[in-house]
Amino acid sequence: MQRKDKVEGEGSYSGTKEYNERQRKFMESGKVDDAARKAQPKSEGEKNEMQKAERLGKEHIKGEDPALRDPKKIPDDPNFPRKK
């Protein structure tokens, strides 16, 4: 007898499959460049806020890629903690 709740454990294979399919369709739709332009920060302040939020979010991840700590790879982020 099949379970009605369709619990898939730690990961959702069907959810991943659906997500990947939606992403493929979006990429093929030709709307990626327009969406990227709309997602850009509208001001220098908004840009700084977005970079700060990204940096704070990354503080919580485990095993961050050491290459991300290379200041040459992130030259325009005033919120990035620089090693002196």
PDB file of N, CA and C in Angstrom:
ATOM      1  N   MET A   1       0.832  -1.184   0.000  1.00  0.00           N
ATOM      2  CA  MET A   1       0.000   0.000   0.000  1.00  0.00           C
ATOM      3  C   MET A   1       0.879   1.250   0.000  1.00  0.00           C
ATOM      4  N   GLN A   2       0.601   2.219  -0.884  1.00  0.00           N
ATOM      5  CA  GLN A   2       1.386   3.450  -0.964  1.00  0.00           C
ATOM      6  C   GLN A   2       0.948   4.427   0.109  1.00  0.00           C
ATOM      7  N   ARG A   3       1.915   5.199   0.580  1.00  0.00           N
ATOM      8  CA  ARG A   3       1.603   6.237   1.556  1.00  0.00           C
ATOM      9  C   ARG A   3       0.964   7.409   0.839  1.00  0.00           C
ATOM     10  N   LYS A   4      -0.026   8.018   1.455  1.00  0.00           N
ATOM     11  CA  LYS A   4      -0.729   9.132   0.836  1.00  0.00           C
ATOM     12  C   LYS A   4       0.030  10.450   0.965  1.00  0.00           C
ATOM     13  N   ASP A   5       0.849  10.600   2.017  1.00  0.00           N
ATOM     14  CA  ASP A   5       1.534  11.880   2.243  1.00  0.00           C
ATOM     15  C   ASP A   5       2.768  12.050   1.361  1.00  0.00           C
ATOM     16  N   LYS A   6       3.251  10.992   0.751  1.00  0.00           N
ATOM     17  CA  LYS A   6       4.401  11.019  -0.162  1.00  0.00           C
ATOM     18  C   LYS A   6       5.632  11.691   0.449  1.00  0.00           C
ATOM     19  N   VAL A   7       5.909  11.435   1.715  1.00  0.00           N
ATOM     20  CA  VAL A   7       7.092  11.965   2.377  1.00  0.00           C
ATOM     21  C   VAL A   7       8.313  11.342   1.725  1.00  0.00           C
ATOM     22  N   GLU A   8       9.268  12.178   1.367  1.00  0.00           N
ATOM     23  CA  GLU A   8      10.447  11.690   0.661  1.00  0.00           C
ATOM     24  C   GLU A   8      11.711  11.747   1.513  1.00  0.00           C
ATOM     25  N   GLY A   9      11.589  12.011   2.773  1.00  0.00           N
ATOM     26  CA  GLY A   9      12.767  12.030   3.634  1.00  0.00           C
ATOM     27  C   GLY A   9      13.458  13.384   3.622  1.00  0.00           C
ATOM     28  N   GLU A  10      14.787  13.371   3.746  1.00  0.00           N
ATOM     29  CA  GLU A  10      15.573  14.606   3.823  1.00  0.00           C
ATOM     30  C   GLU A  10      15.395  15.509   2.613  1.00  0.00           C
ATOM     31  N   GLY A  11      15.369  14.942   1.433  1.00  0.00           N
ATOM     32  CA  GLY A  11      15.237  15.743   0.226  1.00  0.00           C
ATOM     33  C   GLY A  11      13.974  15.375  -0.517  1.00  0.00           C
ATOM     34  N   SER A  12      13.517  16.282  -1.330  1.00  0.00           N
ATOM     35  CA  SER A  12      12.315  16.013  -2.120  1.00  0.00           C
ATOM     36  C   SER A  12      12.727  15.821  -3.575  1.00  0.00           C
ATOM     37  N   TYR A  13      12.733  14.583  -4.002  1.00  0.00           N
ATOM     38  CA  TYR A  13      13.129  14.303  -5.388  1.00  0.00           C
ATOM     39  C   TYR A  13      12.147  14.909  -6.376  1.00  0.00           C
ATOM     40  N   SER A  14      10.857  14.808  -6.066  1.00  0.00           N
ATOM     41  CA  SER A  14       9.859  15.367  -6.987  1.00  0.00           C
ATOM     42  C   SER A  14       9.945  16.891  -6.995  1.00  0.00           C
ATOM     43  N   GLY A  15      10.188  17.491  -5.831  1.00  0.00           N
ATOM     44  CA  GLY A  15      10.332  18.943  -5.760  1.00  0.00           C
ATOM     45  C   GLY A  15      11.543  19.425  -6.540  1.00  0.00           C
ATOM     46  N   THR A  16      12.637  18.701  -6.427  1.00  0.00           N
ATOM     47  CA  THR A  16      13.855  19.048  -7.166  1.00  0.00           C
ATOM     48  C   THR A  16      13.621  18.922  -8.663  1.00  0.00           C
ATOM     49  N   LYS A  17      12.945  17.872  -9.057  1.00  0.00           N
ATOM     50  CA  LYS A  17      12.659  17.652 -10.476  1.00  0.00           C
ATOM     51  C   LYS A  17      11.783  18.786 -11.025  1.00  0.00           C
ATOM     52  N   GLU A  18      10.759  19.180 -10.266  1.00  0.00           N
ATOM     53  CA  GLU A  18       9.874  20.269 -10.695  1.00  0.00           C
ATOM     54  C   GLU A  18      10.636  21.592 -10.766  1.00  0.00           C
ATOM     55  N   TYR A  19      11.463  21.856  -9.766  1.00  0.00           N
ATOM     56  CA  TYR A  19      12.253  23.086  -9.748  1.00  0.00           C
ATOM     57  C   TYR A  19      13.178  23.143 -10.960  1.00  0.00           C
ATOM     58  N   ASN A  20      13.887  22.060 -11.212  1.00  0.00           N
ATOM     59  CA  ASN A  20      14.807  22.029 -12.355  1.00  0.00           C
ATOM     60  C   ASN A  20      14.068  22.243 -13.669  1.00  0.00           C
ATOM     61  N   GLU A  21      12.890  21.682 -13.794  1.00  0.00           N
ATOM     62  CA  GLU A  21      12.100  21.846 -15.013  1.00  0.00           C
ATOM     63  C   GLU A  21      11.659  23.306 -15.175  1.00  0.00           C
ATOM     64  N   ARG A  22      11.224  23.928 -14.082  1.00  0.00           N
ATOM     65  CA  ARG A  22      10.825  25.348 -14.147  1.00  0.00           C
ATOM     66  C   ARG A  22      12.019  26.221 -14.508  1.00  0.00           C
ATOM     67  N   GLN A  23      13.190  25.914 -13.953  1.00  0.00           N
ATOM     68  CA  GLN A  23      14.387  26.694 -14.260  1.00  0.00           C
ATOM     69  C   GLN A  23      14.775  26.546 -15.731  1.00  0.00           C
ATOM     70  N   ARG A  24      14.694  25.340 -16.242  1.00  0.00           N
ATOM     71  CA  ARG A  24      15.014  25.102 -17.657  1.00  0.00           C
ATOM     72  C   ARG A  24      14.073  25.892 -18.560  1.00  0.00           C
ATOM     73  N   LYS A  25      12.768  25.852 -18.243  1.00  0.00           N
ATOM     74  CA  LYS A  25      11.784  26.583 -19.054  1.00  0.00           C
ATOM     75  C   LYS A  25      12.042  28.086 -18.995  1.00  0.00           C
ATOM     76  N   PHE A  26      12.371  28.597 -17.819  1.00  0.00           N
ATOM     77  CA  PHE A  26      12.649  30.020 -17.678  1.00  0.00           C
ATOM     78  C   PHE A  26      13.867  30.412 -18.513  1.00  0.00           C
ATOM     79  N   MET A  27      14.913  29.623 -18.441  1.00  0.00           N
ATOM     80  CA  MET A  27      16.119  29.935 -19.213  1.00  0.00           C
ATOM     81  C   MET A  27      15.842  29.919 -20.709  1.00  0.00           C
ATOM     82  N   GLU A  28      15.005  29.004 -21.139  1.00  0.00           N
ATOM     83  CA  GLU A  28      14.679  28.912 -22.557  1.00  0.00           C
ATOM     84  C   GLU A  28      13.672  29.977 -23.009  1.00  0.00           C
ATOM     85  N   SER A  29      13.025  30.651 -22.063  1.00  0.00           N
ATOM     86  CA  SER A  29      11.985  31.621 -22.399  1.00  0.00           C
ATOM     87  C   SER A  29      12.544  32.923 -22.983  1.00  0.00           C
ATOM     88  N   GLY A  30      13.834  33.174 -22.755  1.00  0.00           N
ATOM     89  CA  GLY A  30      14.435  34.416 -23.230  1.00  0.00           C
ATOM     90  C   GLY A  30      14.223  35.583 -22.277  1.00  0.00           C
ATOM     91  N   LYS A  31      13.749  35.321 -21.068  1.00  0.00           N
ATOM     92  CA  LYS A  31      13.454  36.386 -20.100  1.00  0.00           C
ATOM     93  C   LYS A  31      14.563  36.586 -19.068  1.00  0.00           C
ATOM     94  N   VAL A  32      15.654  35.860 -19.198  1.00  0.00           N
ATOM     95  CA  VAL A  32      16.711  35.904 -18.186  1.00  0.00           C
ATOM     96  C   VAL A  32      17.372  37.277 -18.124  1.00  0.00           C
ATOM     97  N   ASP A  33      17.741  37.848 -19.269  1.00  0.00           N
ATOM     98  CA  ASP A  33      18.411  39.152 -19.276  1.00  0.00           C
ATOM     99  C   ASP A  33      17.523  40.234 -18.685  1.00  0.00           C
ATOM    100  N   ASP A  34      16.245  40.215 -19.023  1.00  0.00           N
ATOM    101  CA  ASP A  34      15.306  41.205 -18.499  1.00  0.00           C
ATOM    102  C   ASP A  34      15.172  41.064 -16.981  1.00  0.00           C
ATOM    103  N   ALA A  35      15.065  39.835 -16.497  1.00  0.00           N
ATOM    104  CA  ALA A  35      14.950  39.592 -15.063  1.00  0.00           C
ATOM    105  C   ALA A  35      16.219  40.040 -14.335  1.00  0.00           C
ATOM    106  N   ALA A  36      17.378  39.814 -14.936  1.00  0.00           N
ATOM    107  CA  ALA A  36      18.648  40.227 -14.331  1.00  0.00           C
ATOM    108  C   ALA A  36      18.714  41.750 -14.229  1.00  0.00           C
ATOM    109  N   ARG A  37      18.280  42.437 -15.283  1.00  0.00           N
ATOM    110  CA  ARG A  37      18.273  43.906 -15.243  1.00  0.00           C
ATOM    111  C   ARG A  37      17.335  44.426 -14.151  1.00  0.00           C
ATOM    112  N   LYS A  38      16.168  43.816 -14.032  1.00  0.00           N
ATOM    113  CA  LYS A  38      15.193  44.249 -13.019  1.00  0.00           C
ATOM    114  C   LYS A  38      15.689  43.978 -11.602  1.00  0.00           C
ATOM    115  N   ALA A  39      16.542  42.979 -11.442  1.00  0.00           N
ATOM    116  CA  ALA A  39      17.044  42.616 -10.114  1.00  0.00           C
ATOM    117  C   ALA A  39      18.231  43.460  -9.671  1.00  0.00           C
ATOM    118  N   GLN A  40      18.802  44.246 -10.585  1.00  0.00           N
ATOM    119  CA  GLN A  40      19.959  45.068 -10.224  1.00  0.00           C
ATOM    120  C   GLN A  40      19.561  46.128  -9.204  1.00  0.00           C
ATOM    121  N   PRO A  41      20.494  46.480  -8.322  1.00  0.00           N
ATOM    122  CA  PRO A  41      20.201  47.532  -7.343  1.00  0.00           C
ATOM    123  C   PRO A  41      19.910  48.862  -8.046  1.00  0.00           C
ATOM    124  N   LYS A  42      18.979  49.624  -7.480  1.00  0.00           N
ATOM    125  CA  LYS A  42      18.560  50.896  -8.079  1.00  0.00           C
ATOM    126  C   LYS A  42      19.441  52.074  -7.656  1.00  0.00           C
ATOM    127  N   SER A  43      20.251  51.874  -6.620  1.00  0.00           N
ATOM    128  CA  SER A  43      21.121  52.949  -6.134  1.00  0.00           C
ATOM    129  C   SER A  43      22.368  52.342  -5.500  1.00  0.00           C
ATOM    130  N   GLU A  44      23.331  53.196  -5.219  1.00  0.00           N
ATOM    131  CA  GLU A  44      24.557  52.745  -4.556  1.00  0.00           C
ATOM    132  C   GLU A  44      24.233  52.217  -3.152  1.00  0.00           C
ATOM    133  N   GLY A  45      23.293  52.889  -2.474  1.00  0.00           N
ATOM    134  CA  GLY A  45      22.887  52.450  -1.140  1.00  0.00           C
ATOM    135  C   GLY A  45      22.251  51.069  -1.162  1.00  0.00           C
ATOM    136  N   GLU A  46      21.375  50.842  -2.148  1.00  0.00           N
ATOM    137  CA  GLU A  46      20.735  49.532  -2.272  1.00  0.00           C
ATOM    138  C   GLU A  46      21.776  48.461  -2.607  1.00  0.00           C
ATOM    139  N   LYS A  47      22.739  48.822  -3.428  1.00  0.00           N
ATOM    140  CA  LYS A  47      23.811  47.885  -3.779  1.00  0.00           C
ATOM    141  C   LYS A  47      24.585  47.489  -2.523  1.00  0.00           C
ATOM    142  N   ASN A  48      24.920  48.487  -1.695  1.00  0.00           N
ATOM    143  CA  ASN A  48      25.655  48.211  -0.457  1.00  0.00           C
ATOM    144  C   ASN A  48      24.837  47.338   0.489  1.00  0.00           C
ATOM    145  N   GLU A  49      23.521  47.612   0.570  1.00  0.00           N
ATOM    146  CA  GLU A  49      22.648  46.812   1.431  1.00  0.00           C
ATOM    147  C   GLU A  49      22.607  45.356   0.965  1.00  0.00           C
ATOM    148  N   MET A  50      22.522  45.159  -0.342  1.00  0.00           N
ATOM    149  CA  MET A  50      22.475  43.796  -0.890  1.00  0.00           C
ATOM    150  C   MET A  50      23.781  43.054  -0.617  1.00  0.00           C
ATOM    151  N   GLN A  51      24.902  43.754  -0.781  1.00  0.00           N
ATOM    152  CA  GLN A  51      26.196  43.121  -0.530  1.00  0.00           C
ATOM    153  C   GLN A  51      26.367  42.789   0.945  1.00  0.00           C
ATOM    154  N   LYS A  52      25.904  43.677   1.809  1.00  0.00           N
ATOM    155  CA  LYS A  52      25.997  43.431   3.242  1.00  0.00           C
ATOM    156  C   LYS A  52      25.134  42.232   3.634  1.00  0.00           C
ATOM    157  N   ALA A  53      23.919  42.164   3.095  1.00  0.00           N
ATOM    158  CA  ALA A  53      23.031  41.039   3.390  1.00  0.00           C
ATOM    159  C   ALA A  53      23.648  39.725   2.916  1.00  0.00           C
ATOM    160  N   GLU A  54      24.267  39.744   1.756  1.00  0.00           N
ATOM    161  CA  GLU A  54      24.909  38.537   1.245  1.00  0.00           C
ATOM    162  C   GLU A  54      26.051  38.122   2.163  1.00  0.00           C
ATOM    163  N   ARG A  55      26.864  39.100   2.573  1.00  0.00           N
ATOM    164  CA  ARG A  55      27.991  38.790   3.460  1.00  0.00           C
ATOM    165  C   ARG A  55      27.496  38.218   4.785  1.00  0.00           C
ATOM    166  N   LEU A  56      26.450  38.833   5.365  1.00  0.00           N
ATOM    167  CA  LEU A  56      25.923  38.335   6.632  1.00  0.00           C
ATOM    168  C   LEU A  56      25.345  36.932   6.485  1.00  0.00           C
ATOM    169  N   GLY A  57      24.684  36.676   5.382  1.00  0.00           N
ATOM    170  CA  GLY A  57      24.147  35.342   5.136  1.00  0.00           C
ATOM    171  C   GLY A  57      25.240  34.306   5.011  1.00  0.00           C
ATOM    172  N   LYS A  58      26.332  34.689   4.387  1.00  0.00           N
ATOM    173  CA  LYS A  58      27.440  33.752   4.204  1.00  0.00           C
ATOM    174  C   LYS A  58      28.173  33.457   5.497  1.00  0.00           C
ATOM    175  N   GLU A  59      28.029  34.317   6.495  1.00  0.00           N
ATOM    176  CA  GLU A  59      28.692  34.064   7.775  1.00  0.00           C
ATOM    177  C   GLU A  59      28.137  32.811   8.452  1.00  0.00           C
ATOM    178  N   HIS A  60      26.937  32.416   8.069  1.00  0.00           N
ATOM    179  CA  HIS A  60      26.281  31.286   8.715  1.00  0.00           C
ATOM    180  C   HIS A  60      26.515  29.962   7.990  1.00  0.00           C
ATOM    181  N   ILE A  61      27.129  30.015   6.832  1.00  0.00           N
ATOM    182  CA  ILE A  61      27.323  28.775   6.096  1.00  0.00           C
ATOM    183  C   ILE A  61      28.552  28.041   6.606  1.00  0.00           C
ATOM    184  N   LYS A  62      28.554  26.779   6.379  1.00  0.00           N
ATOM    185  CA  LYS A  62      29.653  25.945   6.846  1.00  0.00           C
ATOM    186  C   LYS A  62      30.617  25.714   5.693  1.00  0.00           C
ATOM    187  N   GLY A  63      31.882  25.926   5.919  1.00  0.00           N
ATOM    188  CA  GLY A  63      32.892  25.618   4.929  1.00  0.00           C
ATOM    189  C   GLY A  63      32.866  26.516   3.713  1.00  0.00           C
ATOM    190  N   GLU A  64      32.816  27.826   3.927  1.00  0.00           N
ATOM    191  CA  GLU A  64      32.818  28.754   2.803  1.00  0.00           C
ATOM    192  C   GLU A  64      34.074  28.581   1.953  1.00  0.00           C
ATOM    193  N   ASP A  65      33.916  28.740   0.667  1.00  0.00           N
ATOM    194  CA  ASP A  65      35.022  28.625  -0.279  1.00  0.00           C
ATOM    195  C   ASP A  65      36.065  29.690   0.042  1.00  0.00           C
ATOM    196  N   PRO A  66      37.317  29.330   0.360  1.00  0.00           N
ATOM    197  CA  PRO A  66      38.350  30.306   0.694  1.00  0.00           C
ATOM    198  C   PRO A  66      38.597  31.315  -0.428  1.00  0.00           C
ATOM    199  N   ALA A  67      38.274  30.958  -1.669  1.00  0.00           N
ATOM    200  CA  ALA A  67      38.463  31.889  -2.783  1.00  0.00           C
ATOM    201  C   ALA A  67      37.575  33.113  -2.627  1.00  0.00           C
ATOM    202  N   LEU A  68      36.469  32.991  -1.898  1.00  0.00           N
ATOM    203  CA  LEU A  68      35.580  34.129  -1.697  1.00  0.00           C
ATOM    204  C   LEU A  68      36.206  35.170  -0.766  1.00  0.00           C
ATOM    205  N   ARG A  69      37.211  34.785  -0.040  1.00  0.00           N
ATOM    206  CA  ARG A  69      37.895  35.712   0.866  1.00  0.00           C
ATOM    207  C   ARG A  69      39.005  36.490   0.160  1.00  0.00           C
ATOM    208  N   ASP A  70      39.196  36.259  -1.111  1.00  0.00           N
ATOM    209  CA  ASP A  70      40.212  36.965  -1.879  1.00  0.00           C
ATOM    210  C   ASP A  70      39.644  38.322  -2.302  1.00  0.00           C
ATOM    211  N   PRO A  71      40.146  39.441  -1.739  1.00  0.00           N
ATOM    212  CA  PRO A  71      39.595  40.767  -2.047  1.00  0.00           C
ATOM    213  C   PRO A  71      39.616  41.116  -3.528  1.00  0.00           C
ATOM    214  N   LYS A  72      40.534  40.547  -4.286  1.00  0.00           N
ATOM    215  CA  LYS A  72      40.593  40.843  -5.724  1.00  0.00           C
ATOM    216  C   LYS A  72      39.356  40.315  -6.440  1.00  0.00           C
ATOM    217  N   LYS A  73      38.716  39.304  -5.877  1.00  0.00           N
ATOM    218  CA  LYS A  73      37.540  38.716  -6.501  1.00  0.00           C
ATOM    219  C   LYS A  73      36.270  39.509  -6.165  1.00  0.00           C
ATOM    220  N   ILE A  74      36.325  40.357  -5.162  1.00  0.00           N
ATOM    221  CA  ILE A  74      35.171  41.159  -4.771  1.00  0.00           C
ATOM    222  C   ILE A  74      35.648  42.607  -4.582  1.00  0.00           C
ATOM    223  N   PRO A  75      36.058  43.272  -5.648  1.00  0.00           N
ATOM    224  CA  PRO A  75      36.684  44.583  -5.528  1.00  0.00           C
ATOM    225  C   PRO A  75      35.738  45.735  -5.182  1.00  0.00           C
ATOM    226  N   ASP A  76      34.455  45.622  -5.471  1.00  0.00           N
ATOM    227  CA  ASP A  76      33.567  46.770  -5.302  1.00  0.00           C
ATOM    228  C   ASP A  76      32.588  46.633  -4.143  1.00  0.00           C
ATOM    229  N   ASP A  77      32.876  45.806  -3.150  1.00  0.00           N
ATOM    230  CA  ASP A  77      31.994  45.641  -2.011  1.00  0.00           C
ATOM    231  C   ASP A  77      32.564  46.379  -0.813  1.00  0.00           C
ATOM    232  N   PRO A  78      32.022  47.570  -0.483  1.00  0.00           N
ATOM    233  CA  PRO A  78      32.543  48.335   0.662  1.00  0.00           C
ATOM    234  C   PRO A  78      32.249  47.653   1.991  1.00  0.00           C
ATOM    235  N   ASN A  79      31.333  46.681   2.023  1.00  0.00           N
ATOM    236  CA  ASN A  79      30.995  45.998   3.267  1.00  0.00           C
ATOM    237  C   ASN A  79      31.820  44.733   3.483  1.00  0.00           C
ATOM    238  N   PHE A  80      32.647  44.381   2.483  1.00  0.00           N
ATOM    239  CA  PHE A  80      33.435  43.149   2.590  1.00  0.00           C
ATOM    240  C   PHE A  80      34.575  43.369   3.573  1.00  0.00           C
ATOM    241  N   PRO A  81      34.710  42.502   4.577  1.00  0.00           N
ATOM    242  CA  PRO A  81      35.787  42.677   5.558  1.00  0.00           C
ATOM    243  C   PRO A  81      37.154  42.391   4.933  1.00  0.00           C
ATOM    244  N   ARG A  82      37.962  43.405   4.828  1.00  0.00           N
ATOM    245  CA  ARG A  82      39.286  43.274   4.213  1.00  0.00           C
ATOM    246  C   ARG A  82      40.329  42.927   5.280  1.00  0.00           C
ATOM    247  N   LYS A  83      41.242  42.072   4.900  1.00  0.00           N
ATOM    248  CA  LYS A  83      42.375  41.771   5.788  1.00  0.00           C
ATOM    249  C   LYS A  83      43.484  42.743   5.438  1.00  0.00           C
ATOM    250  N   LYS A  84      44.044  43.375   6.442  1.00  0.00           N
ATOM    251  CA  LYS A  84      45.092  44.384   6.198  1.00  0.00           C
ATOM    252  C   LYS A  84      46.444  43.870   6.543  1.00  0.00           C
TER     253      LYS A  84
END
